[in-house]
N, C-alpha and C. Protein backbone atom coordinates (compact mmCIF):
# COMPACT_ATOMS: atom_id res chain seq x y z
N UNK A 1 -46.65 -94.05 -93.97
CA UNK A 1 -46.19 -93.94 -92.59
C UNK A 1 -44.86 -94.67 -92.44
N UNK A 2 -44.13 -94.27 -91.44
CA UNK A 2 -42.83 -94.87 -91.18
C UNK A 2 -42.95 -96.27 -90.61
N UNK A 3 -41.82 -96.86 -90.35
CA UNK A 3 -41.78 -98.22 -89.80
C UNK A 3 -41.12 -98.24 -88.43
N UNK A 4 -41.31 -97.17 -87.67
CA UNK A 4 -40.69 -97.04 -86.37
C UNK A 4 -41.48 -97.77 -85.29
N UNK A 5 -41.11 -97.51 -84.04
CA UNK A 5 -41.70 -98.19 -82.89
C UNK A 5 -42.92 -97.48 -82.31
N UNK A 6 -43.19 -96.24 -82.72
CA UNK A 6 -44.40 -95.54 -82.26
C UNK A 6 -45.63 -96.18 -82.89
N UNK A 7 -46.76 -96.10 -82.18
CA UNK A 7 -48.00 -96.69 -82.67
C UNK A 7 -48.84 -95.62 -83.37
N UNK A 8 -49.19 -95.88 -84.62
CA UNK A 8 -50.03 -94.97 -85.40
C UNK A 8 -51.43 -95.56 -85.52
N UNK A 9 -52.45 -94.77 -85.13
CA UNK A 9 -53.84 -95.19 -85.27
C UNK A 9 -54.53 -94.18 -86.17
N UNK A 10 -55.01 -94.64 -87.33
CA UNK A 10 -55.67 -93.74 -88.27
C UNK A 10 -57.15 -93.66 -87.90
N UNK A 11 -57.61 -92.46 -87.57
CA UNK A 11 -59.00 -92.26 -87.15
C UNK A 11 -59.89 -91.84 -88.32
N UNK A 12 -59.34 -91.09 -89.27
CA UNK A 12 -60.11 -90.61 -90.42
C UNK A 12 -59.23 -90.70 -91.66
N UNK A 13 -59.80 -91.17 -92.75
CA UNK A 13 -59.13 -91.15 -94.05
C UNK A 13 -60.23 -90.98 -95.10
N UNK A 14 -60.43 -89.73 -95.52
CA UNK A 14 -61.45 -89.47 -96.52
C UNK A 14 -60.90 -88.50 -97.57
N UNK A 15 -61.78 -87.97 -98.40
CA UNK A 15 -61.30 -87.09 -99.49
C UNK A 15 -60.89 -85.70 -99.02
N UNK A 16 -61.06 -85.39 -97.73
CA UNK A 16 -60.70 -84.07 -97.19
C UNK A 16 -59.46 -84.10 -96.30
N UNK A 17 -59.28 -85.19 -95.52
CA UNK A 17 -58.18 -85.23 -94.55
C UNK A 17 -57.85 -86.66 -94.13
N UNK A 18 -56.64 -86.80 -93.60
CA UNK A 18 -56.21 -88.04 -92.95
C UNK A 18 -55.83 -87.64 -91.52
N UNK A 19 -56.46 -88.26 -90.54
CA UNK A 19 -56.21 -87.93 -89.13
C UNK A 19 -55.61 -89.16 -88.46
N UNK A 20 -54.38 -88.99 -87.95
CA UNK A 20 -53.65 -90.10 -87.34
C UNK A 20 -53.23 -89.71 -85.93
N UNK A 21 -53.43 -90.60 -84.98
CA UNK A 21 -52.94 -90.42 -83.62
C UNK A 21 -51.63 -91.19 -83.49
N UNK A 22 -50.59 -90.50 -83.06
CA UNK A 22 -49.28 -91.12 -82.84
C UNK A 22 -49.04 -91.25 -81.34
N UNK A 23 -48.71 -92.47 -80.88
CA UNK A 23 -48.42 -92.72 -79.46
C UNK A 23 -47.02 -93.32 -79.33
N UNK A 24 -46.25 -92.71 -78.46
CA UNK A 24 -44.89 -93.14 -78.17
C UNK A 24 -44.90 -93.66 -76.73
N UNK A 25 -44.72 -94.94 -76.51
CA UNK A 25 -44.82 -95.54 -75.18
C UNK A 25 -43.68 -95.13 -74.26
N UNK A 26 -42.51 -94.86 -74.86
CA UNK A 26 -41.34 -94.54 -74.03
C UNK A 26 -40.37 -93.66 -74.81
N UNK A 27 -39.40 -93.11 -74.09
CA UNK A 27 -38.32 -92.35 -74.72
C UNK A 27 -37.66 -93.20 -75.80
N UNK A 28 -37.35 -92.58 -76.92
CA UNK A 28 -36.66 -93.28 -78.00
C UNK A 28 -37.59 -93.90 -79.03
N UNK A 29 -38.88 -94.09 -78.70
CA UNK A 29 -39.81 -94.57 -79.72
C UNK A 29 -39.87 -93.56 -80.84
N UNK A 30 -40.03 -94.04 -82.07
CA UNK A 30 -39.97 -93.15 -83.22
C UNK A 30 -40.98 -93.52 -84.28
N UNK A 31 -41.23 -92.57 -85.20
CA UNK A 31 -42.16 -92.79 -86.30
C UNK A 31 -41.52 -93.58 -87.43
N UNK A 32 -40.21 -93.55 -87.54
CA UNK A 32 -39.52 -94.07 -88.71
C UNK A 32 -39.46 -92.97 -89.77
N UNK A 33 -38.48 -93.05 -90.66
CA UNK A 33 -38.32 -92.04 -91.71
C UNK A 33 -39.55 -92.05 -92.61
N UNK A 34 -40.06 -90.87 -92.91
CA UNK A 34 -41.20 -90.74 -93.81
C UNK A 34 -41.21 -89.35 -94.43
N UNK A 35 -41.92 -89.24 -95.54
CA UNK A 35 -42.06 -87.96 -96.24
C UNK A 35 -43.54 -87.62 -96.31
N UNK A 36 -43.88 -86.38 -95.99
CA UNK A 36 -45.26 -85.92 -96.02
C UNK A 36 -45.62 -85.44 -97.42
N UNK A 37 -46.52 -86.16 -98.08
CA UNK A 37 -46.97 -85.79 -99.42
C UNK A 37 -47.99 -84.66 -99.37
N UNK A 38 -48.57 -84.43 -98.18
CA UNK A 38 -49.60 -83.42 -98.00
C UNK A 38 -49.19 -82.43 -96.92
N UNK A 39 -49.70 -81.20 -96.95
CA UNK A 39 -49.49 -80.30 -95.80
C UNK A 39 -50.21 -80.89 -94.59
N UNK A 40 -49.73 -80.54 -93.40
CA UNK A 40 -50.34 -81.14 -92.20
C UNK A 40 -50.25 -80.22 -90.99
N UNK A 41 -51.11 -80.53 -90.03
CA UNK A 41 -51.15 -79.84 -88.75
C UNK A 41 -50.95 -80.89 -87.66
N UNK A 42 -50.08 -80.58 -86.69
CA UNK A 42 -49.87 -81.46 -85.53
C UNK A 42 -50.49 -80.79 -84.32
N UNK A 43 -51.28 -81.57 -83.56
CA UNK A 43 -51.89 -81.09 -82.32
C UNK A 43 -51.35 -81.95 -81.18
N UNK A 44 -50.42 -81.42 -80.37
CA UNK A 44 -49.88 -82.18 -79.24
C UNK A 44 -50.98 -82.47 -78.22
N UNK A 45 -51.01 -83.69 -77.72
CA UNK A 45 -51.99 -84.08 -76.70
C UNK A 45 -51.46 -83.87 -75.29
N UNK A 46 -50.15 -83.64 -75.16
CA UNK A 46 -49.54 -83.43 -73.86
C UNK A 46 -48.27 -82.62 -74.02
N UNK A 47 -47.74 -82.13 -72.94
CA UNK A 47 -46.45 -81.44 -72.95
C UNK A 47 -45.37 -82.48 -73.19
N UNK A 48 -44.38 -82.15 -74.01
CA UNK A 48 -43.31 -83.09 -74.27
C UNK A 48 -42.21 -82.49 -75.11
N UNK A 49 -41.26 -83.33 -75.46
CA UNK A 49 -40.11 -82.91 -76.27
C UNK A 49 -39.88 -83.97 -77.35
N UNK A 50 -39.71 -83.52 -78.58
CA UNK A 50 -39.46 -84.43 -79.70
C UNK A 50 -38.13 -84.08 -80.36
N UNK A 51 -37.40 -85.12 -80.74
CA UNK A 51 -36.19 -84.94 -81.55
C UNK A 51 -36.59 -85.19 -83.01
N UNK A 52 -36.23 -84.27 -83.87
CA UNK A 52 -36.56 -84.36 -85.29
C UNK A 52 -35.27 -84.58 -86.07
N UNK A 53 -35.19 -85.72 -86.73
CA UNK A 53 -34.04 -86.00 -87.59
C UNK A 53 -34.44 -85.74 -89.03
N UNK A 54 -33.60 -84.94 -89.72
CA UNK A 54 -33.79 -84.69 -91.14
C UNK A 54 -32.48 -85.01 -91.84
N UNK A 55 -32.47 -84.93 -93.14
CA UNK A 55 -31.23 -85.16 -93.90
C UNK A 55 -30.17 -84.11 -93.55
N UNK A 56 -30.62 -82.95 -93.03
CA UNK A 56 -29.71 -81.86 -92.68
C UNK A 56 -29.20 -81.92 -91.25
N UNK A 57 -29.72 -82.87 -90.43
CA UNK A 57 -29.27 -82.96 -89.05
C UNK A 57 -30.43 -83.19 -88.08
N UNK A 58 -30.19 -82.81 -86.83
CA UNK A 58 -31.18 -83.02 -85.78
C UNK A 58 -31.56 -81.69 -85.13
N UNK A 59 -32.80 -81.63 -84.65
CA UNK A 59 -33.26 -80.49 -83.86
C UNK A 59 -34.27 -81.01 -82.85
N UNK A 60 -34.62 -80.17 -81.89
CA UNK A 60 -35.59 -80.55 -80.87
C UNK A 60 -36.77 -79.58 -80.91
N UNK A 61 -37.96 -80.10 -80.62
CA UNK A 61 -39.17 -79.28 -80.56
C UNK A 61 -39.80 -79.46 -79.19
N UNK A 62 -40.07 -78.35 -78.52
CA UNK A 62 -40.76 -78.37 -77.23
C UNK A 62 -42.26 -78.28 -77.53
N UNK A 63 -42.99 -79.30 -77.15
CA UNK A 63 -44.41 -79.40 -77.48
C UNK A 63 -45.27 -78.99 -76.30
N UNK A 64 -46.32 -78.22 -76.58
CA UNK A 64 -47.25 -77.78 -75.55
C UNK A 64 -48.62 -78.37 -75.86
N UNK A 65 -49.24 -78.98 -74.88
CA UNK A 65 -50.54 -79.62 -75.07
C UNK A 65 -51.55 -78.64 -75.67
N UNK A 66 -52.19 -79.07 -76.75
CA UNK A 66 -53.24 -78.27 -77.38
C UNK A 66 -52.78 -77.13 -78.25
N UNK A 67 -51.47 -76.91 -78.39
CA UNK A 67 -50.95 -75.81 -79.22
C UNK A 67 -50.49 -76.40 -80.56
N UNK A 68 -51.28 -76.24 -81.62
CA UNK A 68 -50.97 -76.85 -82.90
C UNK A 68 -49.91 -76.10 -83.69
N UNK A 69 -49.32 -76.80 -84.66
CA UNK A 69 -48.44 -76.13 -85.62
C UNK A 69 -48.64 -76.75 -86.99
N UNK A 70 -48.31 -75.98 -88.03
CA UNK A 70 -48.51 -76.35 -89.42
C UNK A 70 -47.17 -76.61 -90.10
N UNK A 71 -47.14 -77.60 -90.98
CA UNK A 71 -45.95 -77.87 -91.80
C UNK A 71 -46.39 -78.11 -93.24
N UNK A 72 -45.61 -77.67 -94.22
CA UNK A 72 -45.99 -77.84 -95.63
C UNK A 72 -45.72 -79.27 -96.11
N UNK A 73 -46.26 -79.59 -97.25
CA UNK A 73 -45.98 -80.87 -97.90
C UNK A 73 -44.49 -80.95 -98.21
N UNK A 74 -43.96 -82.15 -98.28
CA UNK A 74 -42.56 -82.37 -98.65
C UNK A 74 -41.62 -82.59 -97.50
N UNK A 75 -42.08 -82.36 -96.26
CA UNK A 75 -41.23 -82.58 -95.09
C UNK A 75 -40.84 -84.06 -95.01
N UNK A 76 -39.54 -84.32 -94.85
CA UNK A 76 -39.04 -85.69 -94.72
C UNK A 76 -38.25 -85.76 -93.42
N UNK A 77 -38.64 -86.70 -92.54
CA UNK A 77 -37.98 -86.76 -91.23
C UNK A 77 -38.31 -88.05 -90.49
N UNK A 78 -37.64 -88.22 -89.35
CA UNK A 78 -37.97 -89.24 -88.36
C UNK A 78 -38.23 -88.47 -87.08
N UNK A 79 -39.33 -88.77 -86.40
CA UNK A 79 -39.71 -88.09 -85.16
C UNK A 79 -39.47 -89.05 -84.00
N UNK A 80 -38.66 -88.62 -83.03
CA UNK A 80 -38.27 -89.47 -81.90
C UNK A 80 -38.71 -88.84 -80.59
N UNK A 81 -39.32 -89.64 -79.73
CA UNK A 81 -39.76 -89.16 -78.43
C UNK A 81 -38.54 -88.88 -77.54
N UNK A 82 -38.44 -87.67 -77.03
CA UNK A 82 -37.37 -87.27 -76.11
C UNK A 82 -37.99 -86.63 -74.87
N UNK A 83 -39.18 -87.12 -74.47
CA UNK A 83 -39.96 -86.52 -73.40
C UNK A 83 -39.68 -87.10 -72.02
N UNK A 84 -38.97 -88.21 -71.95
CA UNK A 84 -38.72 -88.84 -70.66
C UNK A 84 -39.82 -89.80 -70.23
N UNK A 85 -40.78 -90.06 -71.10
CA UNK A 85 -41.89 -90.97 -70.81
C UNK A 85 -42.81 -91.04 -72.00
N UNK A 86 -44.04 -91.40 -71.77
CA UNK A 86 -45.04 -91.52 -72.84
C UNK A 86 -45.30 -90.16 -73.47
N UNK A 87 -45.62 -90.18 -74.78
CA UNK A 87 -45.97 -88.95 -75.49
C UNK A 87 -46.96 -89.28 -76.60
N UNK A 88 -47.80 -88.30 -76.99
CA UNK A 88 -48.77 -88.52 -78.06
C UNK A 88 -49.14 -87.20 -78.73
N UNK A 89 -49.47 -87.29 -80.03
CA UNK A 89 -50.01 -86.15 -80.75
C UNK A 89 -50.95 -86.64 -81.84
N UNK A 90 -51.77 -85.72 -82.33
CA UNK A 90 -52.67 -85.97 -83.47
C UNK A 90 -52.08 -85.24 -84.67
N UNK A 91 -52.05 -85.93 -85.80
CA UNK A 91 -51.56 -85.35 -87.05
C UNK A 91 -52.74 -85.31 -88.04
N UNK A 92 -52.98 -84.12 -88.60
CA UNK A 92 -54.06 -83.94 -89.56
C UNK A 92 -53.45 -83.55 -90.90
N UNK A 93 -53.48 -84.47 -91.86
CA UNK A 93 -52.99 -84.19 -93.20
C UNK A 93 -54.16 -83.63 -94.01
N UNK A 94 -53.90 -82.55 -94.74
CA UNK A 94 -54.97 -81.82 -95.44
C UNK A 94 -54.90 -82.13 -96.93
N UNK A 95 -55.98 -82.68 -97.45
CA UNK A 95 -56.03 -82.99 -98.89
C UNK A 95 -56.48 -81.78 -99.69
């Protein structure tokens, strides 16, 4: 996990999956740079906006509560809250 200001709470870590809840208390809170060794699914807990920084630049993602998305292993980025307030999502890494 990164060393950013967002709070990560690991709910499950077993031989099948790692489930982490990410909470961003305010705009600008971030995960810190990290690389995903496993494929993963993100499930937004609320509507929001995230800024994604990669080695190639920045982009924004509009998040919809309960609408998951999948990303492959190898993704390297920093995730920054750009929602204008608190934001949270669940990340499920698949072993």
